[in-house]
PDB file of N, CA and C in Angstrom:
ATOM      1  N   UNK A   1     -71.143  42.287  90.625  1.00  0.00           N
ATOM      2  CA  UNK A   1     -69.726  42.011  90.781  1.00  0.00           C
ATOM      3  C   UNK A   1     -69.202  41.307  89.538  1.00  0.00           C
ATOM      4  N   UNK A   2     -68.095  41.779  89.010  1.00  0.00           N
ATOM      5  CA  UNK A   2     -67.500  41.204  87.812  1.00  0.00           C
ATOM      6  C   UNK A   2     -66.851  39.864  88.132  1.00  0.00           C
ATOM      7  N   UNK A   3     -66.776  39.013  87.117  1.00  0.00           N
ATOM      8  CA  UNK A   3     -66.165  37.710  87.288  1.00  0.00           C
ATOM      9  C   UNK A   3     -64.687  37.770  86.918  1.00  0.00           C
ATOM     10  N   UNK A   4     -63.870  37.213  87.777  1.00  0.00           N
ATOM     11  CA  UNK A   4     -62.436  37.125  87.524  1.00  0.00           C
ATOM     12  C   UNK A   4     -62.084  35.731  87.035  1.00  0.00           C
ATOM     13  N   UNK A   5     -61.134  35.653  86.112  1.00  0.00           N
ATOM     14  CA  UNK A   5     -60.575  34.383  85.665  1.00  0.00           C
ATOM     15  C   UNK A   5     -59.206  34.263  86.328  1.00  0.00           C
ATOM     16  N   UNK A   6     -59.150  33.497  87.422  1.00  0.00           N
ATOM     17  CA  UNK A   6     -57.937  33.343  88.215  1.00  0.00           C
ATOM     18  C   UNK A   6     -57.481  31.891  88.113  1.00  0.00           C
ATOM     19  N   UNK A   7     -56.207  31.706  87.795  1.00  0.00           N
ATOM     20  CA  UNK A   7     -55.653  30.353  87.674  1.00  0.00           C
ATOM     21  C   UNK A   7     -54.275  30.304  88.322  1.00  0.00           C
ATOM     22  N   UNK A   8     -54.014  29.206  89.008  1.00  0.00           N
ATOM     23  CA  UNK A   8     -52.690  28.978  89.581  1.00  0.00           C
ATOM     24  C   UNK A   8     -52.248  27.561  89.234  1.00  0.00           C
ATOM     25  N   UNK A   9     -50.945  27.362  89.267  1.00  0.00           N
ATOM     26  CA  UNK A   9     -50.373  26.065  88.913  1.00  0.00           C
ATOM     27  C   UNK A   9     -50.090  25.252  90.176  1.00  0.00           C
ATOM     28  N   UNK A  10     -50.491  24.011  90.169  1.00  0.00           N
ATOM     29  CA  UNK A  10     -50.230  23.139  91.317  1.00  0.00           C
ATOM     30  C   UNK A  10     -48.845  22.508  91.258  1.00  0.00           C
ATOM     31  N   UNK A  11     -48.088  22.793  90.220  1.00  0.00           N
ATOM     32  CA  UNK A  11     -46.723  22.267  90.087  1.00  0.00           C
ATOM     33  C   UNK A  11     -45.668  23.328  90.377  1.00  0.00           C
ATOM     34  N   UNK A  12     -46.085  24.591  90.491  1.00  0.00           N
ATOM     35  CA  UNK A  12     -45.162  25.707  90.714  1.00  0.00           C
ATOM     36  C   UNK A  12     -44.405  25.511  92.021  1.00  0.00           C
ATOM     37  N   UNK A  13     -43.104  25.653  91.966  1.00  0.00           N
ATOM     38  CA  UNK A  13     -42.274  25.438  93.144  1.00  0.00           C
ATOM     39  C   UNK A  13     -42.264  26.634  94.089  1.00  0.00           C
ATOM     40  N   UNK A  14     -42.823  27.752  93.661  1.00  0.00           N
ATOM     41  CA  UNK A  14     -42.814  28.968  94.474  1.00  0.00           C
ATOM     42  C   UNK A  14     -44.182  29.321  95.047  1.00  0.00           C
ATOM     43  N   UNK A  15     -45.147  28.435  94.865  1.00  0.00           N
ATOM     44  CA  UNK A  15     -46.499  28.656  95.365  1.00  0.00           C
ATOM     45  C   UNK A  15     -46.963  27.412  96.112  1.00  0.00           C
ATOM     46  N   UNK A  16     -47.520  27.612  97.275  1.00  0.00           N
ATOM     47  CA  UNK A  16     -48.185  26.525  97.989  1.00  0.00           C
ATOM     48  C   UNK A  16     -49.672  26.699  97.728  1.00  0.00           C
ATOM     49  N   UNK A  17     -50.269  25.736  97.031  1.00  0.00           N
ATOM     50  CA  UNK A  17     -51.651  25.865  96.579  1.00  0.00           C
ATOM     51  C   UNK A  17     -52.592  26.198  97.742  1.00  0.00           C
ATOM     52  N   UNK A  18     -52.456  25.511  98.854  1.00  0.00           N
ATOM     53  CA  UNK A  18     -53.369  25.721  99.979  1.00  0.00           C
ATOM     54  C   UNK A  18     -53.300  27.161 100.500  1.00  0.00           C
ATOM     55  N   UNK A  19     -52.098  27.688 100.700  1.00  0.00           N
ATOM     56  CA  UNK A  19     -51.987  29.055 101.219  1.00  0.00           C
ATOM     57  C   UNK A  19     -52.388  30.079 100.162  1.00  0.00           C
ATOM     58  N   UNK A  20     -52.056  29.825  98.904  1.00  0.00           N
ATOM     59  CA  UNK A  20     -52.429  30.750  97.833  1.00  0.00           C
ATOM     60  C   UNK A  20     -53.951  30.819  97.699  1.00  0.00           C
ATOM     61  N   UNK A  21     -54.618  29.674  97.744  1.00  0.00           N
ATOM     62  CA  UNK A  21     -56.079  29.670  97.657  1.00  0.00           C
ATOM     63  C   UNK A  21     -56.692  30.415  98.837  1.00  0.00           C
ATOM     64  N   UNK A  22     -56.134  30.227 100.026  1.00  0.00           N
ATOM     65  CA  UNK A  22     -56.629  30.914 101.208  1.00  0.00           C
ATOM     66  C   UNK A  22     -56.495  32.433 101.048  1.00  0.00           C
ATOM     67  N   UNK A  23     -55.341  32.887 100.595  1.00  0.00           N
ATOM     68  CA  UNK A  23     -55.112  34.328 100.401  1.00  0.00           C
ATOM     69  C   UNK A  23     -56.047  34.896  99.340  1.00  0.00           C
ATOM     70  N   UNK A  24     -56.218  34.162  98.244  1.00  0.00           N
ATOM     71  CA  UNK A  24     -57.083  34.644  97.172  1.00  0.00           C
ATOM     72  C   UNK A  24     -58.547  34.650  97.582  1.00  0.00           C
ATOM     73  N   UNK A  25     -58.970  33.675  98.387  1.00  0.00           N
ATOM     74  CA  UNK A  25     -60.373  33.660  98.821  1.00  0.00           C
ATOM     75  C   UNK A  25     -60.668  34.826  99.760  1.00  0.00           C
ATOM     76  N   UNK A  26     -59.684  35.264 100.533  1.00  0.00           N
ATOM     77  CA  UNK A  26     -59.859  36.455 101.376  1.00  0.00           C
ATOM     78  C   UNK A  26     -59.885  37.716 100.520  1.00  0.00           C
ATOM     79  N   UNK A  27     -59.058  37.733  99.506  1.00  0.00           N
ATOM     80  CA  UNK A  27     -58.948  38.889  98.609  1.00  0.00           C
ATOM     81  C   UNK A  27     -60.169  39.016  97.697  1.00  0.00           C
ATOM     82  N   UNK A  28     -60.631  37.872  97.185  1.00  0.00           N
ATOM     83  CA  UNK A  28     -61.724  37.839  96.211  1.00  0.00           C
ATOM     84  C   UNK A  28     -62.782  36.819  96.632  1.00  0.00           C
ATOM     85  N   UNK A  29     -63.555  37.111  97.669  1.00  0.00           N
ATOM     86  CA  UNK A  29     -64.540  36.133  98.150  1.00  0.00           C
ATOM     87  C   UNK A  29     -65.496  35.695  97.033  1.00  0.00           C
ATOM     88  N   UNK A  30     -65.745  34.407  96.974  1.00  0.00           N
ATOM     89  CA  UNK A  30     -66.683  33.861  95.997  1.00  0.00           C
ATOM     90  C   UNK A  30     -66.100  33.612  94.622  1.00  0.00           C
ATOM     91  N   UNK A  31     -64.847  33.955  94.396  1.00  0.00           N
ATOM     92  CA  UNK A  31     -64.217  33.735  93.092  1.00  0.00           C
ATOM     93  C   UNK A  31     -63.663  32.324  93.022  1.00  0.00           C
ATOM     94  N   UNK A  32     -63.996  31.630  91.939  1.00  0.00           N
ATOM     95  CA  UNK A  32     -63.451  30.289  91.734  1.00  0.00           C
ATOM     96  C   UNK A  32     -62.036  30.421  91.176  1.00  0.00           C
ATOM     97  N   UNK A  33     -61.095  29.777  91.826  1.00  0.00           N
ATOM     98  CA  UNK A  33     -59.710  29.769  91.354  1.00  0.00           C
ATOM     99  C   UNK A  33     -59.451  28.397  90.749  1.00  0.00           C
ATOM    100  N   UNK A  34     -59.063  28.389  89.480  1.00  0.00           N
ATOM    101  CA  UNK A  34     -58.772  27.125  88.800  1.00  0.00           C
ATOM    102  C   UNK A  34     -57.332  26.727  89.104  1.00  0.00           C
ATOM    103  N   UNK A  35     -57.147  25.467  89.472  1.00  0.00           N
ATOM    104  CA  UNK A  35     -55.835  24.960  89.854  1.00  0.00           C
ATOM    105  C   UNK A  35     -55.440  23.835  88.901  1.00  0.00           C
ATOM    106  N   UNK A  36     -54.248  23.934  88.336  1.00  0.00           N
ATOM    107  CA  UNK A  36     -53.728  22.905  87.446  1.00  0.00           C
ATOM    108  C   UNK A  36     -52.550  23.450  86.672  1.00  0.00           C
ATOM    109  N   UNK A  37     -51.858  22.579  85.966  1.00  0.00           N
ATOM    110  CA  UNK A  37     -50.699  22.985  85.186  1.00  0.00           C
ATOM    111  C   UNK A  37     -51.131  23.977  84.104  1.00  0.00           C
ATOM    112  N   UNK A  38     -50.382  25.049  83.974  1.00  0.00           N
ATOM    113  CA  UNK A  38     -50.684  26.085  82.986  1.00  0.00           C
ATOM    114  C   UNK A  38     -49.716  26.069  81.813  1.00  0.00           C
ATOM    115  N   UNK A  39     -48.857  25.043  81.732  1.00  0.00           N
ATOM    116  CA  UNK A  39     -47.853  24.939  80.661  1.00  0.00           C
ATOM    117  C   UNK A  39     -47.011  26.205  80.567  1.00  0.00           C
ATOM    118  N   UNK A  40     -46.609  26.690  81.718  1.00  0.00           N
ATOM    119  CA  UNK A  40     -45.800  27.910  81.831  1.00  0.00           C
ATOM    120  C   UNK A  40     -44.547  27.561  82.628  1.00  0.00           C
ATOM    121  N   UNK A  41     -43.984  26.392  82.309  1.00  0.00           N
ATOM    122  CA  UNK A  41     -42.975  25.755  83.149  1.00  0.00           C
ATOM    123  C   UNK A  41     -41.655  26.520  83.283  1.00  0.00           C
ATOM    124  N   UNK A  42     -41.222  27.238  82.274  1.00  0.00           N
ATOM    125  CA  UNK A  42     -39.975  27.988  82.386  1.00  0.00           C
ATOM    126  C   UNK A  42     -40.046  29.019  83.513  1.00  0.00           C
ATOM    127  N   UNK A  43     -40.930  30.004  83.392  1.00  0.00           N
ATOM    128  CA  UNK A  43     -41.066  30.997  84.462  1.00  0.00           C
ATOM    129  C   UNK A  43     -41.551  30.387  85.772  1.00  0.00           C
ATOM    130  N   UNK A  44     -42.370  29.379  85.690  1.00  0.00           N
ATOM    131  CA  UNK A  44     -42.914  28.724  86.892  1.00  0.00           C
ATOM    132  C   UNK A  44     -41.798  28.128  87.751  1.00  0.00           C
ATOM    133  N   UNK A  45     -40.736  27.700  87.125  1.00  0.00           N
ATOM    134  CA  UNK A  45     -39.625  27.104  87.863  1.00  0.00           C
ATOM    135  C   UNK A  45     -38.801  28.155  88.609  1.00  0.00           C
ATOM    136  N   UNK A  46     -38.930  29.413  88.203  1.00  0.00           N
ATOM    137  CA  UNK A  46     -38.116  30.478  88.792  1.00  0.00           C
ATOM    138  C   UNK A  46     -38.894  31.486  89.637  1.00  0.00           C
ATOM    139  N   UNK A  47     -40.198  31.592  89.410  1.00  0.00           N
ATOM    140  CA  UNK A  47     -41.004  32.614  90.068  1.00  0.00           C
ATOM    141  C   UNK A  47     -42.349  32.054  90.520  1.00  0.00           C
ATOM    142  N   UNK A  48     -42.952  32.747  91.467  1.00  0.00           N
ATOM    143  CA  UNK A  48     -44.363  32.511  91.766  1.00  0.00           C
ATOM    144  C   UNK A  48     -45.139  33.200  90.646  1.00  0.00           C
ATOM    145  N   UNK A  49     -46.207  32.594  90.181  1.00  0.00           N
ATOM    146  CA  UNK A  49     -46.995  33.278  89.172  1.00  0.00           C
ATOM    147  C   UNK A  49     -48.466  32.961  89.340  1.00  0.00           C
ATOM    148  N   UNK A  50     -49.270  33.844  88.768  1.00  0.00           N
ATOM    149  CA  UNK A  50     -50.715  33.704  88.782  1.00  0.00           C
ATOM    150  C   UNK A  50     -51.218  34.197  87.427  1.00  0.00           C
ATOM    151  N   UNK A  51     -52.242  33.558  86.921  1.00  0.00           N
ATOM    152  CA  UNK A  51     -52.888  33.968  85.681  1.00  0.00           C
ATOM    153  C   UNK A  51     -54.148  34.718  86.097  1.00  0.00           C
ATOM    154  N   UNK A  52     -54.243  35.995  85.733  1.00  0.00           N
ATOM    155  CA  UNK A  52     -55.382  36.826  86.139  1.00  0.00           C
ATOM    156  C   UNK A  52     -55.985  37.497  84.912  1.00  0.00           C
ATOM    157  N   UNK A  53     -57.199  37.110  84.596  1.00  0.00           N
ATOM    158  CA  UNK A  53     -57.950  37.763  83.520  1.00  0.00           C
ATOM    159  C   UNK A  53     -57.114  37.968  82.251  1.00  0.00           C
ATOM    160  N   UNK A  54     -56.460  36.903  81.813  1.00  0.00           N
ATOM    161  CA  UNK A  54     -55.720  36.939  80.562  1.00  0.00           C
ATOM    162  C   UNK A  54     -54.260  37.343  80.671  1.00  0.00           C
ATOM    163  N   UNK A  55     -53.784  37.626  81.880  1.00  0.00           N
ATOM    164  CA  UNK A  55     -52.394  38.064  82.059  1.00  0.00           C
ATOM    165  C   UNK A  55     -51.649  37.101  82.973  1.00  0.00           C
ATOM    166  N   UNK A  56     -50.437  36.755  82.567  1.00  0.00           N
ATOM    167  CA  UNK A  56     -49.545  36.023  83.461  1.00  0.00           C
ATOM    168  C   UNK A  56     -48.778  37.056  84.262  1.00  0.00           C
ATOM    169  N   UNK A  57     -48.799  36.917  85.575  1.00  0.00           N
ATOM    170  CA  UNK A  57     -48.092  37.842  86.451  1.00  0.00           C
ATOM    171  C   UNK A  57     -47.122  37.030  87.286  1.00  0.00           C
ATOM    172  N   UNK A  58     -45.868  37.491  87.351  1.00  0.00           N
ATOM    173  CA  UNK A  58     -44.860  36.742  88.097  1.00  0.00           C
ATOM    174  C   UNK A  58     -44.186  37.661  89.106  1.00  0.00           C
ATOM    175  N   UNK A  59     -43.664  37.042  90.158  1.00  0.00           N
ATOM    176  CA  UNK A  59     -42.929  37.753  91.203  1.00  0.00           C
ATOM    177  C   UNK A  59     -42.117  36.720  91.977  1.00  0.00           C
ATOM    178  N   UNK A  60     -41.150  37.169  92.769  1.00  0.00           N
ATOM    179  CA  UNK A  60     -40.309  36.220  93.511  1.00  0.00           C
ATOM    180  C   UNK A  60     -41.060  35.398  94.563  1.00  0.00           C
ATOM    181  N   UNK A  61     -42.130  35.960  95.153  1.00  0.00           N
ATOM    182  CA  UNK A  61     -42.846  35.242  96.208  1.00  0.00           C
ATOM    183  C   UNK A  61     -44.354  35.262  95.966  1.00  0.00           C
ATOM    184  N   UNK A  62     -45.030  34.393  96.690  1.00  0.00           N
ATOM    185  CA  UNK A  62     -46.482  34.302  96.632  1.00  0.00           C
ATOM    186  C   UNK A  62     -47.148  35.633  96.998  1.00  0.00           C
ATOM    187  N   UNK A  63     -46.719  36.249  98.090  1.00  0.00           N
ATOM    188  CA  UNK A  63     -47.311  37.523  98.518  1.00  0.00           C
ATOM    189  C   UNK A  63     -47.071  38.630  97.499  1.00  0.00           C
ATOM    190  N   UNK A  64     -45.872  38.661  96.933  1.00  0.00           N
ATOM    191  CA  UNK A  64     -45.556  39.690  95.946  1.00  0.00           C
ATOM    192  C   UNK A  64     -46.362  39.514  94.664  1.00  0.00           C
ATOM    193  N   UNK A  65     -46.601  38.278  94.264  1.00  0.00           N
ATOM    194  CA  UNK A  65     -47.361  38.064  93.036  1.00  0.00           C
ATOM    195  C   UNK A  65     -48.823  38.473  93.240  1.00  0.00           C
ATOM    196  N   UNK A  66     -49.367  38.238  94.413  1.00  0.00           N
ATOM    197  CA  UNK A  66     -50.739  38.687  94.688  1.00  0.00           C
ATOM    198  C   UNK A  66     -50.794  40.215  94.679  1.00  0.00           C
ATOM    199  N   UNK A  67     -49.801  40.853  95.272  1.00  0.00           N
ATOM    200  CA  UNK A  67     -49.733  42.318  95.277  1.00  0.00           C
ATOM    201  C   UNK A  67     -49.691  42.875  93.849  1.00  0.00           C
ATOM    202  N   UNK A  68     -48.868  42.272  93.002  1.00  0.00           N
ATOM    203  CA  UNK A  68     -48.769  42.723  91.605  1.00  0.00           C
ATOM    204  C   UNK A  68     -50.051  42.432  90.816  1.00  0.00           C
ATOM    205  N   UNK A  69     -50.793  41.407  91.215  1.00  0.00           N
ATOM    206  CA  UNK A  69     -52.010  41.015  90.500  1.00  0.00           C
ATOM    207  C   UNK A  69     -53.201  41.901  90.858  1.00  0.00           C
ATOM    208  N   UNK A  70     -53.189  42.507  92.038  1.00  0.00           N
ATOM    209  CA  UNK A  70     -54.339  43.292  92.518  1.00  0.00           C
ATOM    210  C   UNK A  70     -54.916  44.277  91.494  1.00  0.00           C
ATOM    211  N   UNK A  71     -54.087  45.055  90.802  1.00  0.00           N
ATOM    212  CA  UNK A  71     -54.661  46.004  89.843  1.00  0.00           C
ATOM    213  C   UNK A  71     -55.445  45.344  88.705  1.00  0.00           C
ATOM    214  N   UNK A  72     -55.242  44.053  88.492  1.00  0.00           N
ATOM    215  CA  UNK A  72     -55.902  43.344  87.404  1.00  0.00           C
ATOM    216  C   UNK A  72     -57.162  42.605  87.851  1.00  0.00           C
ATOM    217  N   UNK A  73     -57.430  42.599  89.153  1.00  0.00           N
ATOM    218  CA  UNK A  73     -58.661  41.989  89.659  1.00  0.00           C
ATOM    219  C   UNK A  73     -59.838  42.883  89.281  1.00  0.00           C
ATOM    220  N   UNK A  74     -60.929  42.262  88.865  1.00  0.00           N
ATOM    221  CA  UNK A  74     -62.157  43.010  88.598  1.00  0.00           C
ATOM    222  C   UNK A  74     -62.932  43.113  89.896  1.00  0.00           C
ATOM    223  N   UNK A  75     -63.375  44.306  90.197  1.00  0.00           N
ATOM    224  CA  UNK A  75     -64.102  44.530  91.468  1.00  0.00           C
ATOM    225  C   UNK A  75     -65.544  44.082  91.355  1.00  0.00           C
TER     226      UNK A  75
END
């Protein structure tokens, strides 16, 4: 199984860390998700976002950002 580099911001106003981690652990069991400020404050203030394997992905909601990130997850 390939390793994913998944990061989320704990300051993002459009993401609840606890629910996002829960959703990601179901989606990618065993993957460590790094949580902390990503210095992406402009977009972070307006959108939910996730950093996946070198890409910043944004969407209006937590569920939508996970949906958009799926193609970038390594299986």
